[in-house]
Amino acid sequence: MATKREVNTRDVEHVRICGDKPLYCAHPRQGGLWNFGGGELAVIHHHAPWPYAEKHPMHGFGNGYKSQCVWMLNRSTDGGLTWPEEENVVVYDETISFDDKRELVFGEVAEREVIDLASPDSMVVFGRTWLGEISGKDGVEVFGALGKDHEGPDPGKCLTTCIALRSADRGRTWESKPTVIYGPAKRRCEIIGYSTALMPDGSMIMTASLHPPSCSAIYGTDDNGLSWEFLSVAGSVTTSLGGMTYPGLVALPDGRVQCYMLEICGSTHSIVVAESPDCYNWSRPRSILRWGHSPWRGRIRPGAQPAQSPFPGHVFYRSPWPLLLADGRIIVVFGRRKPPYGIGAVISEDEGATWSDEFVIRDDASGTDVGYCLATEIEPGRLFAAYYFMVEDGVPHGGARHIAGSLFTV
């Protein structure tokens, strides 16, 4: 249960990281945010051209922007204030031919690069890639192992798989061969938002969403990302209306691990947390939010229309991102997809036992297509959050989607 304590942000600054007309830049939560110290930050997002005047932005493969995107890395060397284009790096190109992608993902290699994921200069990024359409017996067998994407033009034929790519030099160069991420018992592993945590022995854990069932799973690697194995389920729901998604990890100093998730149409419509002492045994998820103490209500602009959510039950929170601060507090940043649209957060001062009321980071978005937040601490109490955003700028459908950031002090 949350406390009644209010949180006030100070010295709030908003910046644009990447994106302008006519680009669709989105979903940094599916890419990642890294803080190398000394003001050097890196954000990875999906980056694609998009004809806003011709059609509404679509997220899926096939008919959406993802089949036209690259995984773009942006870099700042001044703590997030500026993001020079000359620092951009293409991590993965979704636009290459299906044959080339299948060879890249499944082709044989003589030897994989040696990369120490425990090094402060190392990175690992996870995501989905579309490998085209398949049919017949072979296709069914591949679907059984890798799953199918429900966002494409023909869900029965669209093949996607999840991959991981590593870098040893802060994202300036990337390995040529990805690691394929499989779900247990031939289930679909859907990377729609993940986070990693380094363990005391130098191994690493990662979150992912599994479908079916719709749950948040924990994966681990003890070979520096050459393989990832399923360990456990951190949270799931039993209804057919939705599930647990957008999981994020916090490793506490005493060895406990927390997994923060968005619960869609389960026992709650909320951001929840589960806890484990060993990455195998998890507590029952519980909400970290409270109704009736909202800072948003008084900010609704005159004439605002109710938002329409694509999810049953109108779940308007989006992609919670947890972060353990240097002073021991935990902050969870999230997107808000109903008026006023924007970015908010909650804070715990007792390792997640109780939580503050929600507070607003910004509330000036022009529509629902916002969120997928990430955050890091650039100096004690001073945070940088990255997310995708939209404002009215003359582009149809609410404005060009772009990657934005906020610096603020809590």
Protein backbone atom coordinates (compact mmCIF):
# COMPACT_ATOMS: atom_id res chain seq x y z
CA MET A 1 0.00 0.00 0.00
CA ALA A 2 1.30 3.44 -0.93
CA THR A 3 2.01 6.24 1.50
CA LYS A 4 0.39 9.67 1.35
CA ARG A 5 3.69 11.41 0.77
CA GLU A 6 3.87 13.71 -2.26
CA VAL A 7 6.95 14.00 -4.46
CA ASN A 8 7.91 17.23 -6.15
CA THR A 9 10.28 17.34 -9.10
CA ARG A 10 12.74 20.22 -9.50
CA ASP A 11 14.79 21.70 -12.32
CA VAL A 12 12.84 19.88 -15.04
CA GLU A 13 14.25 20.16 -18.57
CA HIS A 14 12.90 18.44 -21.70
CA VAL A 15 15.07 17.63 -24.73
CA ARG A 16 14.58 16.00 -28.11
CA ILE A 17 16.88 13.03 -28.65
CA CYS A 18 15.93 11.94 -32.17
CA GLY A 19 13.15 12.30 -34.70
CA ASP A 20 11.45 14.89 -36.88
CA LYS A 21 9.25 15.02 -39.97
CA PRO A 22 8.82 12.57 -41.65
CA LEU A 23 10.26 9.97 -39.26
CA TYR A 24 8.63 7.56 -36.84
CA CYS A 25 10.99 7.19 -33.87
CA ALA A 26 9.58 5.07 -31.07
CA HIS A 27 9.78 2.39 -28.40
CA PRO A 28 13.10 3.02 -26.65
CA ARG A 29 11.90 0.55 -23.98
CA GLN A 30 12.43 -2.10 -26.66
CA GLY A 31 15.96 -0.80 -27.18
CA GLY A 32 17.63 0.33 -23.98
CA LEU A 33 19.39 3.07 -22.04
CA TRP A 34 22.99 2.84 -20.81
CA ASN A 35 24.91 5.15 -18.49
CA PHE A 36 28.68 4.83 -18.86
CA GLY A 37 29.52 7.62 -16.41
CA GLY A 38 31.13 10.97 -17.05
CA GLY A 39 27.97 12.18 -18.80
CA GLU A 40 28.04 9.54 -21.54
CA LEU A 41 24.62 8.01 -22.22
CA ALA A 42 23.34 5.78 -25.02
CA VAL A 43 19.73 5.16 -26.07
CA ILE A 44 18.54 2.64 -28.66
CA HIS A 45 15.18 3.05 -30.38
CA HIS A 46 13.28 1.97 -33.52
CA HIS A 47 13.87 4.50 -36.30
CA ALA A 48 11.98 4.54 -39.61
CA PRO A 49 10.65 6.85 -42.34
CA TRP A 50 6.87 7.19 -42.21
CA PRO A 51 4.36 8.90 -44.58
CA TYR A 52 2.09 10.47 -41.95
CA ALA A 53 0.03 12.22 -44.63
CA GLU A 54 -0.82 8.88 -46.29
CA LYS A 55 -1.66 6.61 -43.36
CA HIS A 56 -1.88 6.41 -39.60
CA PRO A 57 1.23 5.10 -37.84
CA MET A 58 1.09 1.34 -37.31
CA HIS A 59 3.38 -0.53 -34.95
CA GLY A 60 3.49 -4.00 -36.46
CA PHE A 61 5.60 -5.82 -38.95
CA GLY A 62 4.44 -6.05 -42.56
CA ASN A 63 2.02 -3.10 -42.57
CA GLY A 64 3.71 -1.07 -39.85
CA TYR A 65 6.85 0.91 -39.31
CA LYS A 66 8.82 -1.95 -37.75
CA SER A 67 9.43 -3.67 -41.08
CA GLN A 68 11.00 -0.40 -42.29
CA CYS A 69 13.07 0.43 -39.22
CA VAL A 70 16.61 0.19 -37.97
CA TRP A 71 17.64 -0.13 -34.35
CA MET A 72 19.28 3.26 -33.91
CA LEU A 73 21.74 4.13 -31.13
CA ASN A 74 21.92 7.79 -30.07
CA ARG A 75 24.73 9.03 -27.83
CA SER A 76 25.10 11.98 -25.49
CA THR A 77 28.34 13.01 -23.80
CA ASP A 78 26.90 15.82 -21.67
CA GLY A 79 24.42 13.97 -19.46
CA GLY A 80 21.56 13.95 -21.94
CA LEU A 81 21.44 17.64 -22.88
CA THR A 82 22.52 17.14 -26.52
CA TRP A 83 22.50 14.14 -28.88
CA PRO A 84 24.69 14.86 -31.96
CA GLU A 85 23.67 12.98 -35.13
CA GLU A 86 27.30 12.14 -35.89
CA GLU A 87 27.27 9.85 -32.84
CA ASN A 88 24.40 7.72 -34.22
CA VAL A 89 25.04 4.02 -34.88
CA VAL A 90 22.79 1.52 -36.67
CA VAL A 91 22.74 -1.58 -34.48
CA TYR A 92 20.46 -3.76 -36.61
CA ASP A 93 18.80 -3.19 -39.99
CA GLU A 94 15.30 -4.61 -40.29
CA THR A 95 15.10 -3.56 -43.95
CA ILE A 96 17.60 -6.08 -45.36
CA SER A 97 16.20 -9.03 -47.31
CA PHE A 98 14.54 -11.95 -45.56
CA ASP A 99 17.18 -14.30 -46.94
CA ASP A 100 19.97 -12.15 -45.52
CA LYS A 101 18.25 -11.92 -42.14
CA ARG A 102 17.64 -15.67 -41.97
CA GLU A 103 21.30 -16.29 -42.79
CA LEU A 104 22.34 -13.73 -40.18
CA VAL A 105 20.11 -15.23 -37.47
CA PHE A 106 20.41 -18.95 -38.20
CA GLY A 107 23.59 -19.25 -40.27
CA GLU A 108 26.64 -21.07 -38.96
CA VAL A 109 29.64 -19.16 -37.63
CA ALA A 110 33.07 -20.52 -36.85
CA GLU A 111 33.49 -18.60 -33.62
CA ARG A 112 31.62 -15.99 -31.59
CA GLU A 113 33.27 -12.86 -30.25
CA VAL A 114 34.50 -12.88 -26.65
CA ILE A 115 32.58 -10.14 -24.80
CA ASP A 116 32.47 -9.79 -21.02
CA LEU A 117 28.97 -8.61 -20.12
CA ALA A 118 30.20 -7.67 -16.64
CA SER A 119 32.47 -5.01 -18.16
CA PRO A 120 31.17 -1.44 -17.72
CA ASP A 121 31.81 -0.86 -21.44
CA SER A 122 29.65 -3.79 -22.61
CA MET A 123 26.08 -3.67 -23.88
CA VAL A 124 23.46 -6.23 -24.85
CA VAL A 125 20.23 -5.35 -26.65
CA PHE A 126 17.21 -7.58 -27.29
CA GLY A 127 14.44 -7.35 -29.87
CA ARG A 128 12.29 -9.01 -32.49
CA THR A 129 13.08 -9.36 -36.17
CA TRP A 130 10.68 -10.28 -38.97
CA LEU A 131 11.91 -13.16 -41.13
CA GLY A 132 9.17 -13.11 -43.76
CA GLU A 133 6.28 -15.41 -44.55
CA ILE A 134 6.32 -19.20 -44.43
CA SER A 135 3.87 -21.98 -45.21
CA GLY A 136 3.59 -25.75 -45.14
CA LYS A 137 4.94 -28.32 -42.73
CA ASP A 138 8.31 -26.63 -42.22
CA GLY A 139 6.61 -23.38 -41.38
CA VAL A 140 4.41 -24.99 -38.77
CA GLU A 141 7.43 -26.52 -37.11
CA VAL A 142 9.25 -23.20 -37.06
CA PHE A 143 6.17 -21.49 -35.63
CA GLY A 144 6.12 -24.05 -32.85
CA ALA A 145 9.62 -23.08 -31.78
CA LEU A 146 9.66 -19.37 -32.51
CA GLY A 147 6.09 -18.09 -32.54
CA LYS A 148 4.19 -15.81 -34.88
CA ASP A 149 3.62 -12.09 -34.92
CA HIS A 150 -0.02 -11.03 -34.53
CA GLU A 151 0.61 -7.52 -35.89
CA GLY A 152 1.50 -8.40 -39.48
CA PRO A 153 -0.77 -8.60 -42.54
CA ASP A 154 -1.32 -12.34 -42.20
CA PRO A 155 -0.72 -13.59 -38.64
CA GLY A 156 -0.73 -17.19 -39.82
CA LYS A 157 2.29 -16.64 -42.04
CA CYS A 158 4.44 -13.95 -40.42
CA LEU A 159 7.52 -15.32 -38.73
CA THR A 160 9.36 -13.34 -36.10
CA THR A 161 12.05 -14.40 -33.71
CA CYS A 162 13.78 -12.74 -30.77
CA ILE A 163 17.47 -12.01 -30.87
CA ALA A 164 20.18 -10.43 -28.73
CA LEU A 165 23.21 -8.49 -29.93
CA ARG A 166 26.28 -7.52 -27.88
CA SER A 167 28.86 -4.76 -27.98
CA ALA A 168 32.17 -4.53 -26.13
CA ASP A 169 32.89 -0.83 -26.83
CA ARG A 170 29.89 1.16 -25.61
CA GLY A 171 27.88 0.48 -28.76
CA ARG A 172 30.32 1.84 -31.32
CA THR A 173 30.60 -1.61 -32.92
CA TRP A 174 28.39 -4.69 -32.60
CA GLU A 175 28.91 -8.41 -33.01
CA SER A 176 28.00 -9.86 -36.40
CA LYS A 177 26.09 -12.90 -35.09
CA PRO A 178 23.04 -12.53 -32.82
CA THR A 179 21.90 -14.97 -30.15
CA VAL A 180 18.41 -16.43 -30.68
CA ILE A 181 16.14 -16.28 -27.60
CA TYR A 182 13.75 -19.24 -27.33
CA GLY A 183 10.74 -19.64 -25.09
CA PRO A 184 10.36 -22.73 -22.90
CA ALA A 185 8.28 -25.65 -24.20
CA LYS A 186 8.20 -24.07 -27.67
CA ARG A 187 6.36 -20.99 -26.46
CA ARG A 188 6.67 -17.65 -28.13
CA CYS A 189 9.21 -15.32 -26.54
CA GLU A 190 8.14 -11.75 -27.24
CA ILE A 191 10.59 -8.98 -26.44
CA ILE A 192 8.36 -5.94 -26.11
CA GLY A 193 10.22 -4.33 -23.25
CA TYR A 194 13.01 -5.80 -21.19
CA SER A 195 15.68 -5.01 -18.65
CA THR A 196 18.80 -6.75 -17.39
CA ALA A 197 20.52 -7.02 -14.03
CA LEU A 198 24.08 -8.07 -13.26
CA MET A 199 24.37 -10.68 -10.52
CA PRO A 200 27.10 -10.97 -7.84
CA ASP A 201 28.95 -13.73 -9.70
CA GLY A 202 29.08 -11.78 -12.97
CA SER A 203 26.20 -13.64 -14.59
CA MET A 204 23.24 -11.67 -15.89
CA ILE A 205 19.46 -12.01 -15.80
CA MET A 206 16.94 -10.57 -18.24
CA THR A 207 13.16 -10.20 -18.39
CA ALA A 208 10.93 -11.09 -21.34
CA SER A 209 7.26 -11.62 -22.11
CA LEU A 210 6.05 -15.10 -23.03
CA HIS A 211 2.96 -15.78 -25.16
CA PRO A 212 1.12 -18.00 -24.49
CA PRO A 213 0.50 -17.65 -21.63
CA SER A 214 0.86 -13.92 -21.21
CA CYS A 215 3.47 -13.77 -18.46
CA SER A 216 6.74 -12.13 -17.45
CA ALA A 217 9.65 -14.53 -17.51
CA ILE A 218 13.19 -14.44 -16.18
CA TYR A 219 16.11 -15.56 -18.33
CA GLY A 220 19.75 -15.96 -17.34
CA THR A 221 23.15 -16.25 -18.97
CA ASP A 222 26.37 -17.48 -17.40
CA ASP A 223 28.33 -17.56 -20.67
CA ASN A 224 28.34 -13.82 -21.40
CA GLY A 225 25.28 -13.90 -23.62
CA LEU A 226 26.25 -16.73 -25.97
CA SER A 227 23.01 -18.34 -24.76
CA TRP A 228 20.04 -17.36 -22.59
CA GLU A 229 18.08 -19.93 -20.64
CA PHE A 230 14.60 -19.68 -19.17
CA LEU A 231 14.69 -19.67 -15.36
CA SER A 232 11.23 -18.85 -14.01
CA VAL A 233 7.99 -16.88 -14.30
CA ALA A 234 7.93 -13.71 -12.20
CA GLY A 235 4.28 -12.87 -12.81
CA SER A 236 1.25 -14.19 -14.70
CA VAL A 237 -2.53 -13.86 -14.73
CA THR A 238 -5.18 -16.52 -15.21
CA THR A 239 -7.76 -14.56 -17.25
CA SER A 240 -7.87 -14.60 -21.05
CA LEU A 241 -8.22 -10.82 -21.29
CA GLY A 242 -4.58 -9.84 -20.96
CA GLY A 243 -1.51 -10.59 -18.92
CA MET A 244 1.74 -9.37 -17.41
CA THR A 245 4.02 -7.38 -19.64
CA TYR A 246 6.80 -4.76 -19.78
CA PRO A 247 8.80 -6.35 -16.96
CA GLY A 248 11.75 -4.50 -15.43
CA LEU A 249 14.32 -5.65 -12.90
CA VAL A 250 15.84 -4.17 -9.76
CA ALA A 251 18.63 -6.03 -7.94
CA LEU A 252 18.68 -4.99 -4.28
CA PRO A 253 21.91 -4.85 -2.23
CA ASP A 254 20.88 -7.80 -0.02
CA GLY A 255 20.52 -10.14 -3.01
CA ARG A 256 16.76 -9.90 -3.53
CA VAL A 257 15.52 -9.25 -7.06
CA GLN A 258 12.33 -7.36 -7.85
CA CYS A 259 10.38 -7.53 -11.10
CA TYR A 260 8.06 -4.62 -11.90
CA MET A 261 5.33 -5.26 -14.47
CA LEU A 262 2.21 -3.85 -16.06
CA GLU A 263 -0.76 -6.10 -15.25
CA ILE A 264 -3.36 -5.88 -17.99
CA CYS A 265 -6.82 -7.22 -17.14
CA GLY A 266 -5.79 -9.54 -14.35
CA SER A 267 -6.70 -9.04 -10.71
CA THR A 268 -5.72 -5.37 -11.14
CA HIS A 269 -5.22 -2.81 -13.91
CA SER A 270 -2.04 -1.52 -12.40
CA ILE A 271 1.73 -1.51 -12.12
CA VAL A 272 2.75 -4.40 -9.88
CA VAL A 273 5.90 -5.83 -8.31
CA ALA A 274 6.98 -9.37 -7.43
CA GLU A 275 10.10 -10.29 -5.44
CA SER A 276 12.48 -13.23 -5.33
CA PRO A 277 15.47 -14.21 -3.17
CA ASP A 278 16.94 -16.46 -5.86
CA CYS A 279 15.42 -15.67 -9.31
CA TYR A 280 13.35 -18.89 -9.07
CA ASN A 281 10.77 -18.39 -6.32
CA TRP A 282 8.60 -15.28 -6.69
CA SER A 283 6.11 -13.60 -4.41
CA ARG A 284 2.59 -12.86 -5.56
CA PRO A 285 2.56 -9.58 -7.55
CA ARG A 286 1.08 -6.58 -5.73
CA SER A 287 0.14 -3.11 -6.95
CA ILE A 288 2.40 -0.14 -6.24
CA LEU A 289 -0.27 2.45 -7.18
CA ARG A 290 -3.24 3.92 -5.34
CA TRP A 291 -6.49 5.36 -6.62
CA GLY A 292 -7.85 8.67 -5.34
CA HIS A 293 -4.61 10.63 -4.96
CA SER A 294 -3.95 11.64 -8.56
CA PRO A 295 -1.97 14.74 -9.59
CA TRP A 296 -3.34 14.38 -13.13
CA ARG A 297 -6.99 15.20 -12.50
CA GLY A 298 -6.44 18.92 -12.05
CA ARG A 299 -4.31 19.12 -15.21
CA ILE A 300 -6.95 17.96 -17.70
CA ARG A 301 -7.38 20.64 -20.34
CA PRO A 302 -10.84 21.99 -21.19
CA GLY A 303 -12.47 20.06 -24.02
CA ALA A 304 -10.27 16.97 -23.66
CA GLN A 305 -11.89 13.85 -25.05
CA PRO A 306 -11.71 10.42 -23.37
CA ALA A 307 -8.85 8.33 -24.72
CA GLN A 308 -9.56 5.09 -26.52
CA SER A 309 -7.32 2.25 -25.42
CA PRO A 310 -6.71 -0.76 -27.69
CA PHE A 311 -6.67 -3.01 -24.63
CA PRO A 312 -9.70 -4.54 -22.88
CA GLY A 313 -10.60 -2.58 -19.78
CA HIS A 314 -8.84 0.59 -20.98
CA VAL A 315 -5.45 0.19 -19.28
CA PHE A 316 -3.83 3.59 -19.59
CA TYR A 317 -0.54 3.03 -17.79
CA ARG A 318 2.31 2.00 -20.04
CA SER A 319 5.69 0.30 -19.80
CA PRO A 320 6.84 0.89 -16.20
CA TRP A 321 10.61 1.28 -15.77
CA PRO A 322 12.14 0.74 -12.30
CA LEU A 323 15.45 2.21 -11.18
CA LEU A 324 17.39 1.85 -7.91
CA LEU A 325 18.87 5.21 -6.96
CA ALA A 326 22.21 5.79 -5.23
CA ASP A 327 20.51 6.72 -1.95
CA GLY A 328 18.48 3.48 -1.89
CA ARG A 329 15.19 4.88 -3.17
CA ILE A 330 13.41 3.13 -6.06
CA ILE A 331 11.69 5.14 -8.77
CA VAL A 332 9.27 3.69 -11.33
CA VAL A 333 8.70 5.86 -14.42
CA PHE A 334 5.73 5.19 -16.74
CA GLY A 335 3.73 6.60 -19.63
CA ARG A 336 0.16 7.85 -19.18
CA ARG A 337 -2.22 7.31 -22.09
CA LYS A 338 -5.30 9.28 -21.19
CA PRO A 339 -5.81 13.02 -20.78
CA PRO A 340 -3.58 14.64 -19.81
CA TYR A 341 -1.16 12.46 -21.76
CA GLY A 342 2.39 12.38 -20.48
CA ILE A 343 5.06 10.81 -18.31
CA GLY A 344 4.78 10.18 -14.57
CA ALA A 345 6.45 8.27 -11.76
CA VAL A 346 6.24 6.98 -8.18
CA ILE A 347 9.01 6.58 -5.58
CA SER A 348 9.62 4.18 -2.70
CA GLU A 349 11.95 4.98 0.21
CA ASP A 350 11.78 1.51 1.79
CA GLU A 351 12.78 -0.89 -1.02
CA GLY A 352 9.28 -1.15 -2.43
CA ALA A 353 7.29 -1.75 0.76
CA THR A 354 5.39 1.55 0.41
CA TRP A 355 5.09 4.08 -2.38
CA SER A 356 4.53 7.78 -2.89
CA ASP A 357 1.59 9.19 -4.76
CA GLU A 358 2.08 9.56 -8.49
CA PHE A 359 3.85 12.69 -9.68
CA VAL A 360 4.06 14.34 -13.08
CA ILE A 361 7.23 14.67 -15.14
CA ARG A 362 5.40 16.15 -18.13
CA ASP A 363 1.77 16.32 -19.32
CA ASP A 364 1.91 18.07 -22.70
CA ALA A 365 1.62 15.17 -25.18
CA SER A 366 -0.93 15.54 -27.98
CA GLY A 367 -2.21 11.96 -27.82
CA THR A 368 -1.91 8.43 -26.53
CA ASP A 369 1.10 7.27 -28.57
CA VAL A 370 3.67 7.96 -25.84
CA GLY A 371 5.69 6.14 -23.21
CA TYR A 372 8.05 3.14 -23.29
CA CYS A 373 10.16 4.92 -20.67
CA LEU A 374 13.73 4.36 -19.54
CA ALA A 375 15.59 6.19 -16.80
CA THR A 376 19.05 6.52 -15.28
CA GLU A 377 20.68 8.56 -12.51
CA ILE A 378 23.30 10.94 -13.88
CA GLU A 379 24.25 12.34 -10.45
CA PRO A 380 22.77 11.80 -6.98
CA GLY A 381 19.09 12.66 -7.17
CA ARG A 382 19.37 13.99 -10.74
CA LEU A 383 17.70 11.70 -13.27
CA PHE A 384 17.42 11.41 -17.02
CA ALA A 385 14.37 9.68 -18.53
CA ALA A 386 14.00 8.76 -22.23
CA TYR A 387 10.72 7.86 -23.94
CA TYR A 388 8.85 8.39 -27.18
CA PHE A 389 6.46 11.30 -27.47
CA MET A 390 4.13 13.29 -29.72
CA VAL A 391 3.18 16.97 -29.82
CA GLU A 392 1.17 18.95 -32.35
CA ASP A 393 3.67 20.07 -34.99
CA GLY A 394 1.62 20.17 -38.19
CA VAL A 395 2.15 16.49 -38.98
CA PRO A 396 -1.12 14.49 -39.28
CA HIS A 397 -2.22 12.09 -36.56
CA GLY A 398 -1.06 14.22 -33.67
CA GLY A 399 2.49 14.99 -34.68
CA ALA A 400 5.70 13.20 -35.61
CA ARG A 401 6.64 10.54 -33.09
CA HIS A 402 10.06 11.27 -31.69
CA ILE A 403 12.43 10.23 -28.90
CA ALA A 404 12.39 12.76 -26.09
CA GLY A 405 14.09 13.03 -22.73
CA SER A 406 13.57 14.76 -19.41
CA LEU A 407 16.13 15.76 -16.82
CA PHE A 408 14.72 16.27 -13.34
CA THR A 409 15.68 16.17 -9.69
CA VAL A 410 13.81 14.20 -7.00
